[in-house]
């Protein structure tokens, strides 16, 4: 299952080129069940020697410009973020992102 998060903001949004950890933190902070968020973040699901968080997300989608000198991406409102997971409990507790 997947959902699309539409984010509006008043001014432009400046992010570093490598902003994946910022988005990941945004997702973790918006999981309403804090025990589940901690479990997914700290442990995840194990299979053999690997651990899986059971969700994935896209880069931000929308209008942007690049400031190469400052190594920033500047987004204009609105932007969209796609979050996907096969773990239903994860998606049900992220409903505040809709």
C-alpha atoms as a PDB file:
ATOM      1  CA  UNK A   1       0.000   0.000   0.000  1.00  0.00           C
ATOM      2  CA  UNK A   2       1.142   3.554  -0.554  1.00  0.00           C
ATOM      3  CA  UNK A   3      -0.016   7.029   0.180  1.00  0.00           C
ATOM      4  CA  UNK A   4       0.891  10.447  -1.133  1.00  0.00           C
ATOM      5  CA  UNK A   5       1.664  13.263   1.272  1.00  0.00           C
ATOM      6  CA  UNK A   6       1.089  16.735  -0.158  1.00  0.00           C
ATOM      7  CA  UNK A   7       3.075  19.415   1.653  1.00  0.00           C
ATOM      8  CA  UNK A   8       2.303  23.122   1.311  1.00  0.00           C
ATOM      9  CA  UNK A   9       4.517  25.854   2.702  1.00  0.00           C
ATOM     10  CA  UNK A  10       4.560  29.652   2.529  1.00  0.00           C
ATOM     11  CA  UNK A  11       8.143  30.256   1.474  1.00  0.00           C
ATOM     12  CA  UNK A  12      10.521  28.084  -0.502  1.00  0.00           C
ATOM     13  CA  UNK A  13      11.909  24.947   1.127  1.00  0.00           C
ATOM     14  CA  UNK A  14      15.710  24.642   1.040  1.00  0.00           C
ATOM     15  CA  UNK A  15      17.242  21.227   1.590  1.00  0.00           C
ATOM     16  CA  UNK A  16      20.744  19.817   1.166  1.00  0.00           C
ATOM     17  CA  UNK A  17      21.354  17.607  -1.875  1.00  0.00           C
ATOM     18  CA  UNK A  18      21.341  14.538   0.373  1.00  0.00           C
ATOM     19  CA  UNK A  19      18.111  15.079   2.288  1.00  0.00           C
ATOM     20  CA  UNK A  20      16.929  11.462   2.623  1.00  0.00           C
ATOM     21  CA  UNK A  21      17.647  11.323   6.368  1.00  0.00           C
ATOM     22  CA  UNK A  22      15.576  14.474   6.850  1.00  0.00           C
ATOM     23  CA  UNK A  23      12.593  12.838   5.118  1.00  0.00           C
ATOM     24  CA  UNK A  24      13.113   9.616   7.032  1.00  0.00           C
ATOM     25  CA  UNK A  25      13.086  11.549  10.318  1.00  0.00           C
ATOM     26  CA  UNK A  26       9.918  13.357   9.219  1.00  0.00           C
ATOM     27  CA  UNK A  27       8.229  10.002   8.626  1.00  0.00           C
ATOM     28  CA  UNK A  28       9.354   8.539  11.965  1.00  0.00           C
ATOM     29  CA  UNK A  29       8.173  11.638  13.841  1.00  0.00           C
ATOM     30  CA  UNK A  30       4.747  11.314  12.220  1.00  0.00           C
ATOM     31  CA  UNK A  31       4.104   7.715  13.275  1.00  0.00           C
ATOM     32  CA  UNK A  32       1.463   8.208  15.943  1.00  0.00           C
ATOM     33  CA  UNK A  33       2.258   4.959  17.794  1.00  0.00           C
ATOM     34  CA  UNK A  34       5.601   5.904  19.366  1.00  0.00           C
ATOM     35  CA  UNK A  35       6.333   2.300  20.431  1.00  0.00           C
ATOM     36  CA  UNK A  36       5.895   1.166  16.833  1.00  0.00           C
ATOM     37  CA  UNK A  37       8.086   4.022  15.596  1.00  0.00           C
ATOM     38  CA  UNK A  38      10.823   3.029  18.046  1.00  0.00           C
ATOM     39  CA  UNK A  39      10.539  -0.653  17.086  1.00  0.00           C
ATOM     40  CA  UNK A  40      10.794   0.077  13.362  1.00  0.00           C
ATOM     41  CA  UNK A  41      13.658   2.528  13.872  1.00  0.00           C
ATOM     42  CA  UNK A  42      15.696   0.499  16.364  1.00  0.00           C
ATOM     43  CA  UNK A  43      14.984  -3.118  15.430  1.00  0.00           C
ATOM     44  CA  UNK A  44      12.824  -3.592  12.371  1.00  0.00           C
ATOM     45  CA  UNK A  45      12.050  -7.062  11.082  1.00  0.00           C
ATOM     46  CA  UNK A  46      14.867  -9.598  10.923  1.00  0.00           C
ATOM     47  CA  UNK A  47      15.430 -12.197   8.237  1.00  0.00           C
ATOM     48  CA  UNK A  48      18.686 -14.102   8.411  1.00  0.00           C
ATOM     49  CA  UNK A  49      21.420 -11.458   8.869  1.00  0.00           C
ATOM     50  CA  UNK A  50      19.387  -8.539   7.570  1.00  0.00           C
ATOM     51  CA  UNK A  51      16.958  -6.100   9.160  1.00  0.00           C
ATOM     52  CA  UNK A  52      14.112  -4.497   7.258  1.00  0.00           C
ATOM     53  CA  UNK A  53      12.219  -1.329   8.163  1.00  0.00           C
ATOM     54  CA  UNK A  54       9.322  -2.318   5.883  1.00  0.00           C
ATOM     55  CA  UNK A  55       8.758   1.078   4.319  1.00  0.00           C
ATOM     56  CA  UNK A  56      10.217   3.136   1.541  1.00  0.00           C
ATOM     57  CA  UNK A  57       9.724   6.684   0.332  1.00  0.00           C
ATOM     58  CA  UNK A  58      10.322   8.787  -2.734  1.00  0.00           C
ATOM     59  CA  UNK A  59      12.332  11.918  -3.204  1.00  0.00           C
ATOM     60  CA  UNK A  60      10.243  15.072  -3.028  1.00  0.00           C
ATOM     61  CA  UNK A  61       8.321  15.734  -6.214  1.00  0.00           C
ATOM     62  CA  UNK A  62       7.522  19.235  -7.365  1.00  0.00           C
ATOM     63  CA  UNK A  63       9.042  22.376  -8.836  1.00  0.00           C
ATOM     64  CA  UNK A  64      12.600  23.039  -7.711  1.00  0.00           C
ATOM     65  CA  UNK A  65      15.819  24.820  -8.568  1.00  0.00           C
ATOM     66  CA  UNK A  66      19.373  23.891  -7.686  1.00  0.00           C
ATOM     67  CA  UNK A  67      21.932  26.124  -5.994  1.00  0.00           C
ATOM     68  CA  UNK A  68      25.186  24.327  -6.856  1.00  0.00           C
ATOM     69  CA  UNK A  69      27.405  26.691  -4.901  1.00  0.00           C
ATOM     70  CA  UNK A  70      25.507  26.110  -1.643  1.00  0.00           C
ATOM     71  CA  UNK A  71      24.697  22.466  -2.519  1.00  0.00           C
ATOM     72  CA  UNK A  72      20.985  23.060  -1.934  1.00  0.00           C
ATOM     73  CA  UNK A  73      17.748  22.131  -3.651  1.00  0.00           C
ATOM     74  CA  UNK A  74      15.107  24.859  -3.386  1.00  0.00           C
ATOM     75  CA  UNK A  75      11.529  23.591  -3.681  1.00  0.00           C
ATOM     76  CA  UNK A  76       8.472  25.699  -4.412  1.00  0.00           C
ATOM     77  CA  UNK A  77       5.159  24.837  -2.774  1.00  0.00           C
ATOM     78  CA  UNK A  78       3.512  22.354  -3.018  1.00  0.00           C
ATOM     79  CA  UNK A  79       5.614  19.169  -3.018  1.00  0.00           C
ATOM     80  CA  UNK A  80       4.580  15.533  -2.790  1.00  0.00           C
ATOM     81  CA  UNK A  81       6.148  12.608  -0.975  1.00  0.00           C
ATOM     82  CA  UNK A  82       5.157   9.010  -1.709  1.00  0.00           C
ATOM     83  CA  UNK A  83       5.435   6.538   1.183  1.00  0.00           C
ATOM     84  CA  UNK A  84       4.996   2.796   0.579  1.00  0.00           C
ATOM     85  CA  UNK A  85       4.830  -0.175   2.917  1.00  0.00           C
ATOM     86  CA  UNK A  86       3.536  -3.730   3.017  1.00  0.00           C
ATOM     87  CA  UNK A  87       3.186  -3.421   6.808  1.00  0.00           C
ATOM     88  CA  UNK A  88      -0.397  -2.294   7.463  1.00  0.00           C
ATOM     89  CA  UNK A  89       0.219  -1.174  11.074  1.00  0.00           C
ATOM     90  CA  UNK A  90       2.841   1.268   9.828  1.00  0.00           C
ATOM     91  CA  UNK A  91       0.471   2.857   7.330  1.00  0.00           C
ATOM     92  CA  UNK A  92      -2.433   2.966   9.780  1.00  0.00           C
ATOM     93  CA  UNK A  93      -0.382   4.859  12.357  1.00  0.00           C
ATOM     94  CA  UNK A  94       0.880   7.394   9.811  1.00  0.00           C
ATOM     95  CA  UNK A  95      -2.611   8.687   9.075  1.00  0.00           C
ATOM     96  CA  UNK A  96      -1.688  12.128  10.361  1.00  0.00           C
ATOM     97  CA  UNK A  97       0.414  12.518   7.183  1.00  0.00           C
ATOM     98  CA  UNK A  98      -2.657  12.397   4.919  1.00  0.00           C
END
